[in-house]
N, C-alpha and C. Protein backbone atom coordinates (compact mmCIF):
# COMPACT_ATOMS: atom_id res chain seq x y z
N UNK A 1 65.64 114.61 85.84
CA UNK A 1 67.08 114.55 85.77
C UNK A 1 67.62 113.14 85.56
N UNK A 2 66.79 112.14 85.77
CA UNK A 2 67.24 110.77 85.56
C UNK A 2 67.48 110.54 84.07
N UNK A 3 68.35 109.61 83.75
CA UNK A 3 68.70 109.33 82.35
C UNK A 3 68.71 107.82 82.12
N UNK A 4 68.51 107.46 80.86
CA UNK A 4 68.65 106.06 80.45
C UNK A 4 70.10 105.78 80.13
N UNK A 5 70.54 104.59 80.45
CA UNK A 5 71.88 104.13 80.08
C UNK A 5 71.82 102.62 79.92
N UNK A 6 72.87 102.05 79.38
CA UNK A 6 72.97 100.60 79.24
C UNK A 6 74.03 100.08 80.20
N UNK A 7 73.70 99.03 80.92
CA UNK A 7 74.66 98.35 81.77
C UNK A 7 75.01 97.05 81.06
N UNK A 8 76.29 96.82 80.84
CA UNK A 8 76.72 95.60 80.18
C UNK A 8 77.14 94.58 81.23
N UNK A 9 76.72 93.36 81.01
CA UNK A 9 77.05 92.29 81.94
C UNK A 9 77.47 91.06 81.15
N UNK A 10 78.26 90.23 81.77
CA UNK A 10 78.71 89.00 81.12
C UNK A 10 77.55 88.03 80.99
N UNK A 11 77.42 87.42 79.84
CA UNK A 11 76.38 86.42 79.64
C UNK A 11 76.71 85.17 80.45
N UNK A 12 75.70 84.55 81.01
CA UNK A 12 75.90 83.36 81.83
C UNK A 12 75.91 82.11 80.95
N UNK A 13 76.55 81.06 81.47
CA UNK A 13 76.60 79.78 80.75
C UNK A 13 75.19 79.25 80.51
N UNK A 14 75.02 78.64 79.35
CA UNK A 14 73.74 78.02 79.04
C UNK A 14 73.66 76.66 79.71
N UNK A 15 72.50 76.02 79.66
CA UNK A 15 72.29 74.72 80.31
C UNK A 15 73.23 73.64 79.79
N UNK A 16 73.60 73.73 78.51
CA UNK A 16 74.50 72.72 77.95
C UNK A 16 75.98 73.01 78.24
N UNK A 17 76.27 74.09 78.97
CA UNK A 17 77.65 74.41 79.36
C UNK A 17 78.36 75.35 78.42
N UNK A 18 77.76 75.71 77.29
CA UNK A 18 78.41 76.62 76.34
C UNK A 18 78.14 78.06 76.73
N UNK A 19 79.05 78.93 76.29
CA UNK A 19 78.90 80.35 76.55
C UNK A 19 78.28 81.03 75.34
N UNK A 20 77.30 81.92 75.53
CA UNK A 20 76.75 82.69 74.41
C UNK A 20 77.83 83.57 73.80
N UNK A 21 77.66 83.92 72.56
CA UNK A 21 78.69 84.68 71.84
C UNK A 21 78.69 86.16 72.18
N UNK A 22 77.66 86.65 72.85
CA UNK A 22 77.62 88.08 73.13
C UNK A 22 77.30 88.35 74.60
N UNK A 23 77.66 89.54 75.04
CA UNK A 23 77.32 89.99 76.39
C UNK A 23 75.90 90.54 76.38
N UNK A 24 75.37 90.79 77.55
CA UNK A 24 74.03 91.31 77.68
C UNK A 24 74.07 92.81 77.94
N UNK A 25 73.19 93.55 77.28
CA UNK A 25 73.04 94.98 77.52
C UNK A 25 71.69 95.19 78.18
N UNK A 26 71.70 95.68 79.41
CA UNK A 26 70.47 95.86 80.17
C UNK A 26 70.18 97.36 80.28
N UNK A 27 69.02 97.80 79.78
CA UNK A 27 68.69 99.22 79.92
C UNK A 27 68.44 99.57 81.39
N UNK A 28 68.92 100.72 81.81
CA UNK A 28 68.80 101.14 83.21
C UNK A 28 68.41 102.61 83.23
N UNK A 29 67.44 102.95 84.06
CA UNK A 29 66.97 104.33 84.18
C UNK A 29 67.06 104.74 85.64
N UNK A 30 67.63 105.90 85.92
CA UNK A 30 67.64 106.36 87.29
C UNK A 30 68.88 107.14 87.66
N UNK A 31 69.38 106.84 88.87
CA UNK A 31 70.47 107.59 89.46
C UNK A 31 71.57 106.65 89.93
N UNK A 32 72.76 107.20 90.13
CA UNK A 32 73.90 106.45 90.64
C UNK A 32 74.41 107.10 91.91
N UNK A 33 74.91 106.28 92.79
CA UNK A 33 75.54 106.76 94.02
C UNK A 33 77.03 106.46 93.92
N UNK A 34 77.85 107.48 94.09
CA UNK A 34 79.31 107.33 94.10
C UNK A 34 79.76 107.60 95.53
N UNK A 35 80.54 106.68 96.11
CA UNK A 35 80.95 106.85 97.50
C UNK A 35 82.45 106.70 97.66
N UNK A 36 82.94 107.32 98.71
CA UNK A 36 84.32 107.18 99.14
C UNK A 36 84.24 106.67 100.58
N UNK A 37 84.87 105.51 100.83
CA UNK A 37 84.76 104.93 102.17
C UNK A 37 86.12 104.87 102.85
N UNK A 38 86.07 104.76 104.16
CA UNK A 38 87.25 104.54 104.98
C UNK A 38 87.62 103.06 104.83
N UNK A 39 88.84 102.78 104.47
CA UNK A 39 89.26 101.40 104.21
C UNK A 39 89.20 100.52 105.45
N UNK A 40 89.59 101.05 106.59
CA UNK A 40 89.67 100.24 107.80
C UNK A 40 88.29 99.96 108.41
N UNK A 41 87.48 101.00 108.59
CA UNK A 41 86.21 100.85 109.29
C UNK A 41 85.00 100.79 108.37
N UNK A 42 85.19 101.11 107.09
CA UNK A 42 84.16 101.06 106.06
C UNK A 42 83.03 102.06 106.26
N UNK A 43 83.34 103.20 106.83
CA UNK A 43 82.36 104.28 106.92
C UNK A 43 82.35 105.04 105.60
N UNK A 44 81.19 105.53 105.20
CA UNK A 44 81.11 106.38 104.01
C UNK A 44 81.60 107.76 104.42
N UNK A 45 82.66 108.23 103.78
CA UNK A 45 83.25 109.53 104.12
C UNK A 45 82.69 110.64 103.24
N UNK A 46 82.56 110.37 101.96
CA UNK A 46 82.02 111.35 101.01
C UNK A 46 81.17 110.60 100.00
N UNK A 47 80.21 111.30 99.41
CA UNK A 47 79.36 110.67 98.41
C UNK A 47 78.81 111.71 97.45
N UNK A 48 78.36 111.23 96.31
CA UNK A 48 77.80 112.10 95.27
C UNK A 48 76.74 111.32 94.52
N UNK A 49 75.67 111.97 94.14
CA UNK A 49 74.60 111.36 93.37
C UNK A 49 74.58 111.98 91.97
N UNK A 50 74.46 111.14 90.95
CA UNK A 50 74.37 111.62 89.57
C UNK A 50 73.30 110.81 88.84
N UNK A 51 72.95 111.25 87.65
CA UNK A 51 72.04 110.46 86.83
C UNK A 51 72.78 109.22 86.33
N UNK A 52 72.06 108.22 85.91
CA UNK A 52 72.64 106.92 85.58
C UNK A 52 73.62 106.96 84.42
N UNK A 53 73.47 107.89 83.50
CA UNK A 53 74.34 107.93 82.33
C UNK A 53 75.63 108.72 82.57
N UNK A 54 75.79 109.31 83.74
CA UNK A 54 76.99 110.11 84.04
C UNK A 54 78.22 109.22 84.09
N UNK A 55 79.32 109.73 83.58
CA UNK A 55 80.58 109.00 83.59
C UNK A 55 81.11 108.90 85.02
N UNK A 56 81.56 107.70 85.40
CA UNK A 56 82.09 107.51 86.75
C UNK A 56 83.40 108.27 86.96
N UNK A 57 84.25 108.27 85.96
CA UNK A 57 85.59 108.81 86.10
C UNK A 57 85.63 110.28 86.49
N UNK A 58 84.72 111.07 85.97
CA UNK A 58 84.73 112.51 86.26
C UNK A 58 84.38 112.81 87.71
N UNK A 59 83.68 111.92 88.39
CA UNK A 59 83.26 112.15 89.78
C UNK A 59 84.45 112.20 90.74
N UNK A 60 85.53 111.54 90.37
CA UNK A 60 86.70 111.49 91.24
C UNK A 60 87.26 112.89 91.49
N UNK A 61 87.20 113.73 90.48
CA UNK A 61 87.73 115.09 90.59
C UNK A 61 86.71 116.07 91.15
N UNK A 62 85.51 115.59 91.48
CA UNK A 62 84.44 116.47 91.97
C UNK A 62 84.25 116.36 93.48
N UNK A 63 85.30 116.04 94.20
CA UNK A 63 85.22 116.07 95.65
C UNK A 63 85.02 114.73 96.33
N UNK A 64 85.16 113.62 95.64
CA UNK A 64 85.03 112.32 96.29
C UNK A 64 86.23 111.98 97.15
N UNK A 65 87.40 112.48 96.78
CA UNK A 65 88.60 112.18 97.55
C UNK A 65 88.71 113.12 98.75
N UNK A 66 89.13 112.56 99.87
CA UNK A 66 89.16 113.30 101.13
C UNK A 66 90.60 113.61 101.52
N UNK A 67 90.97 114.89 101.50
CA UNK A 67 92.33 115.29 101.87
C UNK A 67 92.60 115.12 103.37
N UNK A 68 91.55 115.07 104.20
CA UNK A 68 91.74 114.91 105.64
C UNK A 68 91.95 113.46 106.02
N UNK A 69 91.74 112.55 105.08
CA UNK A 69 91.96 111.13 105.35
C UNK A 69 93.46 110.88 105.47
N UNK A 70 93.86 110.09 106.44
CA UNK A 70 95.29 109.84 106.64
C UNK A 70 95.86 108.91 105.58
N UNK A 71 95.03 108.10 104.95
CA UNK A 71 95.51 107.20 103.90
C UNK A 71 95.57 107.96 102.58
N UNK A 72 96.58 107.69 101.81
CA UNK A 72 96.73 108.41 100.55
C UNK A 72 96.42 107.55 99.33
N UNK A 73 96.12 106.27 99.53
CA UNK A 73 95.85 105.37 98.40
C UNK A 73 94.40 105.50 97.95
N UNK A 74 94.21 105.47 96.63
CA UNK A 74 92.88 105.52 96.04
C UNK A 74 92.65 104.20 95.32
N UNK A 75 91.66 103.42 95.78
CA UNK A 75 91.33 102.13 95.21
C UNK A 75 90.04 102.28 94.43
N UNK A 76 90.06 101.99 93.12
CA UNK A 76 88.86 102.15 92.30
C UNK A 76 88.91 101.20 91.11
N UNK A 77 87.76 101.05 90.46
CA UNK A 77 87.72 100.16 89.30
C UNK A 77 88.16 100.91 88.04
N UNK A 78 88.16 100.22 86.91
CA UNK A 78 88.71 100.77 85.67
C UNK A 78 87.97 101.99 85.17
N UNK A 79 86.71 102.19 85.58
CA UNK A 79 85.96 103.36 85.12
C UNK A 79 86.61 104.66 85.59
N UNK A 80 87.40 104.61 86.64
CA UNK A 80 88.04 105.80 87.20
C UNK A 80 89.46 106.02 86.66
N UNK A 81 89.96 105.13 85.81
CA UNK A 81 91.31 105.28 85.27
C UNK A 81 91.27 106.15 84.01
N UNK A 82 91.92 107.28 84.10
CA UNK A 82 92.10 108.16 82.94
C UNK A 82 93.34 109.00 83.20
N UNK A 83 93.87 109.58 82.17
CA UNK A 83 95.04 110.43 82.31
C UNK A 83 94.73 111.62 83.22
N UNK A 84 93.54 112.21 83.04
CA UNK A 84 93.16 113.36 83.86
C UNK A 84 93.07 112.98 85.34
N UNK A 85 92.49 111.82 85.64
CA UNK A 85 92.39 111.38 87.04
C UNK A 85 93.74 111.04 87.62
N UNK A 86 94.60 110.38 86.85
CA UNK A 86 95.93 110.04 87.33
C UNK A 86 96.73 111.31 87.64
N UNK A 87 96.65 112.31 86.75
CA UNK A 87 97.34 113.59 87.00
C UNK A 87 96.77 114.29 88.22
N UNK A 88 95.44 114.29 88.36
CA UNK A 88 94.78 114.92 89.50
C UNK A 88 95.23 114.28 90.81
N UNK A 89 95.24 112.94 90.85
CA UNK A 89 95.65 112.25 92.08
C UNK A 89 97.10 112.54 92.42
N UNK A 90 97.96 112.58 91.41
CA UNK A 90 99.37 112.85 91.66
C UNK A 90 99.57 114.26 92.22
N UNK A 91 98.87 115.25 91.63
CA UNK A 91 98.99 116.63 92.10
C UNK A 91 98.44 116.81 93.51
N UNK A 92 97.41 116.05 93.85
CA UNK A 92 96.78 116.16 95.17
C UNK A 92 97.49 115.32 96.23
N UNK A 93 98.48 114.53 95.83
CA UNK A 93 99.24 113.73 96.79
C UNK A 93 98.65 112.36 97.08
N UNK A 94 97.79 111.88 96.20
CA UNK A 94 97.20 110.55 96.37
C UNK A 94 97.99 109.54 95.56
N UNK A 95 97.98 108.29 96.02
CA UNK A 95 98.64 107.19 95.32
C UNK A 95 97.56 106.38 94.61
N UNK A 96 97.69 106.24 93.30
CA UNK A 96 96.67 105.53 92.52
C UNK A 96 96.81 104.02 92.65
N UNK A 97 95.73 103.39 93.07
CA UNK A 97 95.61 101.93 93.09
C UNK A 97 94.40 101.54 92.23
N UNK A 98 94.21 102.28 91.15
CA UNK A 98 93.07 102.08 90.26
C UNK A 98 93.36 100.90 89.33
N UNK A 99 92.35 100.07 89.11
CA UNK A 99 92.51 98.92 88.21
C UNK A 99 92.96 99.36 86.83
N UNK A 100 93.71 98.49 86.19
CA UNK A 100 94.14 98.74 84.81
C UNK A 100 93.18 98.05 83.85
N UNK A 101 92.99 98.68 82.71
CA UNK A 101 92.09 98.13 81.70
C UNK A 101 92.80 97.08 80.87
N UNK A 102 92.02 96.17 80.31
CA UNK A 102 92.54 95.15 79.40
C UNK A 102 92.88 95.83 78.07
N UNK A 103 94.04 95.53 77.50
CA UNK A 103 94.38 96.10 76.19
C UNK A 103 93.37 95.68 75.14
N UNK A 104 93.03 96.58 74.26
CA UNK A 104 92.04 96.32 73.22
C UNK A 104 92.49 95.20 72.29
N UNK A 105 91.66 94.20 72.12
CA UNK A 105 91.88 93.05 71.23
C UNK A 105 93.12 92.22 71.57
N UNK A 106 93.57 92.31 72.82
CA UNK A 106 94.72 91.53 73.27
C UNK A 106 94.37 90.88 74.60
N UNK A 107 95.03 89.79 74.94
CA UNK A 107 94.78 89.20 76.26
C UNK A 107 95.41 90.07 77.36
N UNK A 108 94.82 89.97 78.53
CA UNK A 108 95.34 90.74 79.68
C UNK A 108 96.68 90.14 80.10
N UNK A 109 97.75 90.95 80.19
CA UNK A 109 99.04 90.43 80.66
C UNK A 109 98.91 89.87 82.08
N UNK A 110 99.64 88.82 82.35
CA UNK A 110 99.54 88.10 83.63
C UNK A 110 99.86 89.00 84.83
N UNK A 111 100.88 89.86 84.72
CA UNK A 111 101.24 90.72 85.85
C UNK A 111 100.15 91.75 86.15
N UNK A 112 99.43 92.19 85.14
CA UNK A 112 98.32 93.13 85.37
C UNK A 112 97.13 92.39 85.98
N UNK A 113 96.91 91.15 85.55
CA UNK A 113 95.85 90.33 86.15
C UNK A 113 96.09 90.16 87.65
N UNK A 114 97.31 89.83 88.02
CA UNK A 114 97.64 89.65 89.44
C UNK A 114 97.49 90.95 90.21
N UNK A 115 97.95 92.04 89.61
CA UNK A 115 97.84 93.34 90.26
C UNK A 115 96.37 93.72 90.48
N UNK A 116 95.54 93.53 89.46
CA UNK A 116 94.11 93.84 89.58
C UNK A 116 93.44 92.95 90.62
N UNK A 117 93.84 91.68 90.69
CA UNK A 117 93.25 90.77 91.68
C UNK A 117 93.56 91.23 93.10
N UNK A 118 94.78 91.69 93.32
CA UNK A 118 95.14 92.21 94.64
C UNK A 118 94.37 93.47 94.98
N UNK A 119 94.16 94.33 93.99
CA UNK A 119 93.40 95.56 94.21
C UNK A 119 91.92 95.25 94.46
N UNK A 120 91.41 94.20 93.86
CA UNK A 120 90.00 93.84 94.02
C UNK A 120 89.66 93.45 95.45
N UNK A 121 90.62 92.88 96.16
CA UNK A 121 90.38 92.49 97.55
C UNK A 121 90.03 93.73 98.37
N UNK A 122 90.72 94.82 98.15
CA UNK A 122 90.46 96.05 98.88
C UNK A 122 89.22 96.74 98.34
N UNK A 123 89.13 96.84 97.02
CA UNK A 123 88.03 97.57 96.38
C UNK A 123 86.67 96.93 96.63
N UNK A 124 86.65 95.64 96.89
CA UNK A 124 85.37 94.96 97.10
C UNK A 124 84.64 95.49 98.33
N UNK A 125 85.37 96.13 99.23
CA UNK A 125 84.72 96.69 100.43
C UNK A 125 83.68 97.74 100.07
N UNK A 126 83.91 98.47 98.99
CA UNK A 126 82.92 99.45 98.55
C UNK A 126 81.68 98.74 98.03
N UNK A 127 81.88 97.65 97.31
CA UNK A 127 80.73 96.91 96.79
C UNK A 127 79.90 96.34 97.93
N UNK A 128 80.52 96.00 99.05
CA UNK A 128 79.78 95.50 100.20
C UNK A 128 78.87 96.59 100.77
N UNK A 129 79.30 97.84 100.71
CA UNK A 129 78.46 98.96 101.16
C UNK A 129 77.20 99.02 100.32
N UNK A 130 77.34 98.95 99.00
CA UNK A 130 76.18 99.00 98.11
C UNK A 130 75.26 97.80 98.32
N UNK A 131 75.84 96.62 98.50
CA UNK A 131 75.04 95.42 98.73
C UNK A 131 74.27 95.54 100.04
N UNK A 132 74.90 96.07 101.07
CA UNK A 132 74.23 96.26 102.36
C UNK A 132 73.07 97.23 102.22
N UNK A 133 73.29 98.33 101.52
CA UNK A 133 72.22 99.30 101.34
C UNK A 133 71.04 98.70 100.58
N UNK A 134 71.34 97.90 99.60
CA UNK A 134 70.27 97.31 98.79
C UNK A 134 69.50 96.24 99.56
N UNK A 135 70.22 95.40 100.31
CA UNK A 135 69.55 94.29 100.99
C UNK A 135 68.95 94.69 102.33
N UNK A 136 69.69 95.41 103.16
CA UNK A 136 69.23 95.72 104.51
C UNK A 136 68.24 96.88 104.55
N UNK A 137 68.51 97.93 103.80
CA UNK A 137 67.61 99.09 103.84
C UNK A 137 66.65 99.10 102.67
N UNK A 138 66.79 98.17 101.74
CA UNK A 138 65.88 98.11 100.59
C UNK A 138 65.95 99.36 99.74
N UNK A 139 67.14 99.91 99.57
CA UNK A 139 67.29 101.16 98.83
C UNK A 139 66.85 100.97 97.38
N UNK A 140 65.82 101.69 97.03
CA UNK A 140 65.29 101.68 95.67
C UNK A 140 64.80 103.10 95.42
N UNK A 141 65.49 103.85 94.61
CA UNK A 141 65.20 105.27 94.43
C UNK A 141 64.22 105.46 93.29
N UNK A 142 63.03 105.92 93.62
CA UNK A 142 62.01 106.28 92.64
C UNK A 142 61.53 107.68 92.99
N UNK A 143 62.30 108.65 92.58
CA UNK A 143 61.95 110.04 92.86
C UNK A 143 61.96 110.83 91.57
N UNK A 144 61.36 112.01 91.63
CA UNK A 144 61.39 112.94 90.51
C UNK A 144 62.36 114.04 90.88
N UNK A 145 63.46 114.12 90.14
CA UNK A 145 64.44 115.18 90.39
C UNK A 145 65.67 114.69 91.12
N UNK A 146 66.80 115.27 90.74
CA UNK A 146 68.09 114.88 91.31
C UNK A 146 68.18 115.29 92.78
N UNK A 147 67.55 116.39 93.18
CA UNK A 147 67.66 116.83 94.57
C UNK A 147 66.96 115.84 95.51
N UNK A 148 65.83 115.30 95.11
CA UNK A 148 65.15 114.30 95.94
C UNK A 148 65.93 112.99 95.96
N UNK A 149 66.48 112.62 94.82
CA UNK A 149 67.29 111.40 94.78
C UNK A 149 68.54 111.56 95.65
N UNK A 150 69.15 112.73 95.61
CA UNK A 150 70.33 113.00 96.44
C UNK A 150 69.97 112.91 97.92
N UNK A 151 68.82 113.45 98.30
CA UNK A 151 68.38 113.38 99.69
C UNK A 151 68.12 111.93 100.11
N UNK A 152 67.46 111.18 99.27
CA UNK A 152 67.15 109.78 99.61
C UNK A 152 68.42 108.94 99.74
N UNK A 153 69.34 109.10 98.81
CA UNK A 153 70.60 108.35 98.86
C UNK A 153 71.44 108.82 100.05
N UNK A 154 71.43 110.12 100.32
CA UNK A 154 72.16 110.66 101.47
C UNK A 154 71.64 110.09 102.78
N UNK A 155 70.34 110.00 102.92
CA UNK A 155 69.75 109.41 104.13
C UNK A 155 70.12 107.94 104.25
N UNK A 156 70.12 107.23 103.14
CA UNK A 156 70.53 105.82 103.16
C UNK A 156 71.99 105.69 103.58
N UNK A 157 72.84 106.62 103.15
CA UNK A 157 74.25 106.61 103.55
C UNK A 157 74.41 106.88 105.05
N UNK A 158 73.60 107.79 105.59
CA UNK A 158 73.65 108.07 107.02
C UNK A 158 73.19 106.84 107.81
N UNK A 159 72.12 106.21 107.36
CA UNK A 159 71.63 104.99 108.03
C UNK A 159 72.69 103.90 107.98
N UNK A 160 73.36 103.76 106.83
CA UNK A 160 74.42 102.75 106.72
C UNK A 160 75.52 103.04 107.74
N UNK A 161 75.97 104.30 107.84
CA UNK A 161 77.04 104.65 108.79
C UNK A 161 76.62 104.40 110.23
N UNK A 162 75.36 104.70 110.56
CA UNK A 162 74.89 104.46 111.94
C UNK A 162 74.85 102.96 112.23
N UNK A 163 74.37 102.17 111.28
CA UNK A 163 74.33 100.72 111.47
C UNK A 163 75.75 100.15 111.58
N UNK A 164 76.67 100.69 110.80
CA UNK A 164 78.05 100.23 110.85
C UNK A 164 78.69 100.57 112.20
N UNK A 165 78.41 101.78 112.71
CA UNK A 165 78.93 102.17 114.02
C UNK A 165 78.41 101.25 115.11
N UNK A 166 77.13 100.94 115.09
CA UNK A 166 76.55 100.03 116.08
C UNK A 166 77.19 98.65 116.00
N UNK A 167 77.42 98.18 114.78
CA UNK A 167 78.08 96.88 114.59
C UNK A 167 79.48 96.90 115.19
N UNK A 168 80.25 97.94 114.90
CA UNK A 168 81.62 98.03 115.41
C UNK A 168 81.64 98.16 116.93
N UNK A 169 80.68 98.88 117.51
CA UNK A 169 80.61 98.99 118.97
C UNK A 169 80.28 97.65 119.59
N UNK A 170 79.34 96.89 119.01
CA UNK A 170 79.01 95.56 119.52
C UNK A 170 80.21 94.65 119.41
N UNK A 171 80.93 94.73 118.32
CA UNK A 171 82.12 93.92 118.11
C UNK A 171 83.19 94.23 119.16
N UNK A 172 83.37 95.52 119.44
CA UNK A 172 84.36 95.97 120.42
C UNK A 172 83.95 95.57 121.85
N UNK A 173 82.66 95.62 122.14
CA UNK A 173 82.18 95.28 123.47
C UNK A 173 82.35 93.80 123.77
N UNK A 174 82.21 92.97 122.76
CA UNK A 174 82.34 91.51 122.98
C UNK A 174 83.79 91.06 123.05
N UNK A 175 84.71 91.90 122.57
CA UNK A 175 86.13 91.51 122.55
C UNK A 175 86.81 91.71 123.88
C-alpha cells in the first residue's frame, strides 16, 4: 500500500553564499501520519494514516476534525486550503485559520505574509509532535501493508500522549 512521491524542499545556500537556481526534489516511499491536536495541551485527538502520495487536503474531511472539541478554529498549512475544505469547515461550524497560498508568479502580499506568520506560531505545535515522535521514540515505519503501518503509527501516537501527560503532571506538581 505504500507509494512513491516527491517531497520538494528549498535548496540551501552554497559555500560561496549564492542560492542554487532550483529546489530539490527528494523521492520518498512510505506512509504519512495526519494528526489533529489539542491546541492548549498538545494531545493528539484524532489521527489518520495514508500512503505517502495521498493528498493532505482530502484528509480534513475524513474525520480529522473533532466536533467535541470546544475550540472551533482549524489551524493548518496550505496543503489543506481548498474550496471544498473551506465549505466543509463552514458547514460544520469551524473557523478556518488555514495558511493562504502565494499567488502564482506574483510576490506574496505583505498582509498575507503577516497573517501566515501569525498562524505559523500556532500551527508549529503540530510539527513539534512529529519531531518528538521522530527523535524520542525513533519512529521509523518499515512495514508491509497500510494496516500494520496504521497500527505502528497509532501506537506511537498513544506513547506520545502518555509521555505528554506525564510531562504535564510533572509540570503541575512542581508549580
